[in-house]
Amino acid sequence: MKKELIKSIKEKEVQLSKLKEHVEKSSICSDLYNKVVLEKAILKKELEELNENKFLKNIKSILPRKKKLICDYFRN
């Protein structure tokens, strides 16, 4: 799955490089360029989520967090 995501991201980069030349010439190319940028961002986010340590994330969600008060920011 990870290799497929990386391959898809590289394909999107190739598409972006080809579309970049025609963005200012056509509104259709501009819209397509924006769409590919969004797709690439989604793929990158999915790749980041795969790389996250799920166990550590679960532990952090269980542990109570110390709440910060406004006065904590003004302490010397």
Protein backbone atom coordinates (compact mmCIF):
# COMPACT_ATOMS: atom_id res chain seq x y z
CA MET A 1 0.00 0.00 0.00
CA LYS A 2 2.80 2.41 0.91
CA LYS A 3 4.61 1.80 -2.40
CA GLU A 4 1.39 2.38 -4.32
CA LEU A 5 0.86 5.71 -2.58
CA ILE A 6 4.42 6.82 -3.32
CA LYS A 7 4.00 5.79 -6.96
CA SER A 8 0.72 7.72 -7.20
CA ILE A 9 2.32 10.82 -5.68
CA LYS A 10 5.13 10.69 -8.24
CA GLU A 11 2.58 10.33 -11.05
CA LYS A 12 0.75 13.40 -9.75
CA GLU A 13 4.03 15.33 -9.70
CA VAL A 14 4.62 14.42 -13.35
CA GLN A 15 1.09 15.52 -14.23
CA LEU A 16 1.61 18.80 -12.39
CA SER A 17 4.86 19.50 -14.19
CA LYS A 18 3.15 18.96 -17.57
CA LEU A 19 0.10 21.03 -16.64
CA LYS A 20 2.13 23.88 -15.18
CA GLU A 21 3.16 24.98 -18.67
CA HIS A 22 -0.46 25.41 -19.76
CA VAL A 23 -2.08 26.78 -16.60
CA GLU A 24 -2.08 30.40 -17.73
CA LYS A 25 -3.23 29.58 -21.26
CA SER A 26 -6.45 27.76 -20.45
CA SER A 27 -8.96 27.81 -17.63
CA ILE A 28 -9.60 24.09 -18.12
CA CYS A 29 -5.91 23.37 -17.56
CA SER A 30 -5.96 25.62 -14.52
CA ASP A 31 -8.91 23.72 -13.04
CA LEU A 32 -7.28 20.39 -13.81
CA TYR A 33 -4.03 21.60 -12.23
CA ASN A 34 -5.87 22.56 -9.04
CA LYS A 35 -7.64 19.19 -8.98
CA VAL A 36 -4.34 17.31 -9.28
CA VAL A 37 -2.82 19.43 -6.51
CA LEU A 38 -5.70 18.45 -4.21
CA GLU A 39 -5.37 14.77 -5.14
CA LYS A 40 -1.64 14.89 -4.40
CA ALA A 41 -2.29 16.50 -1.02
CA ILE A 42 -4.81 13.79 -0.16
CA LEU A 43 -2.33 11.07 -1.12
CA LYS A 44 0.39 12.70 1.00
CA LYS A 45 -1.95 12.84 3.99
CA GLU A 46 -2.79 9.14 3.56
CA LEU A 47 0.92 8.33 3.44
CA GLU A 48 1.53 10.31 6.64
CA GLU A 49 -1.28 8.44 8.37
CA LEU A 50 0.30 5.11 7.37
CA ASN A 51 3.62 6.21 8.83
CA GLU A 52 2.12 7.26 12.18
CA ASN A 53 2.69 4.98 15.12
CA LYS A 54 -0.83 3.80 15.96
CA PHE A 55 0.17 2.31 19.32
CA LEU A 56 1.77 5.54 20.52
CA LYS A 57 -1.22 7.54 19.31
CA ASN A 58 -3.59 5.31 21.29
CA ILE A 59 -1.48 5.69 24.44
CA LYS A 60 -1.46 9.48 24.11
CA SER A 61 -5.23 9.58 23.73
CA ILE A 62 -5.69 7.58 26.94
CA LEU A 63 -3.35 9.62 29.14
CA PRO A 64 -4.87 12.75 30.67
CA ARG A 65 -3.46 16.02 29.49
CA LYS A 66 -2.62 18.91 31.74
CA LYS A 67 -4.85 21.80 30.74
CA LYS A 68 -3.15 25.13 30.18
CA LEU A 69 -4.63 28.26 31.57
CA ILE A 70 -4.10 31.74 30.22
CA CYS A 71 -2.12 32.64 33.31
CA ASP A 72 0.38 29.85 32.48
CA TYR A 73 1.52 31.81 29.46
CA PHE A 74 2.35 34.89 31.52
CA ARG A 75 4.41 33.22 34.23
CA ASN A 76 8.06 34.13 34.44
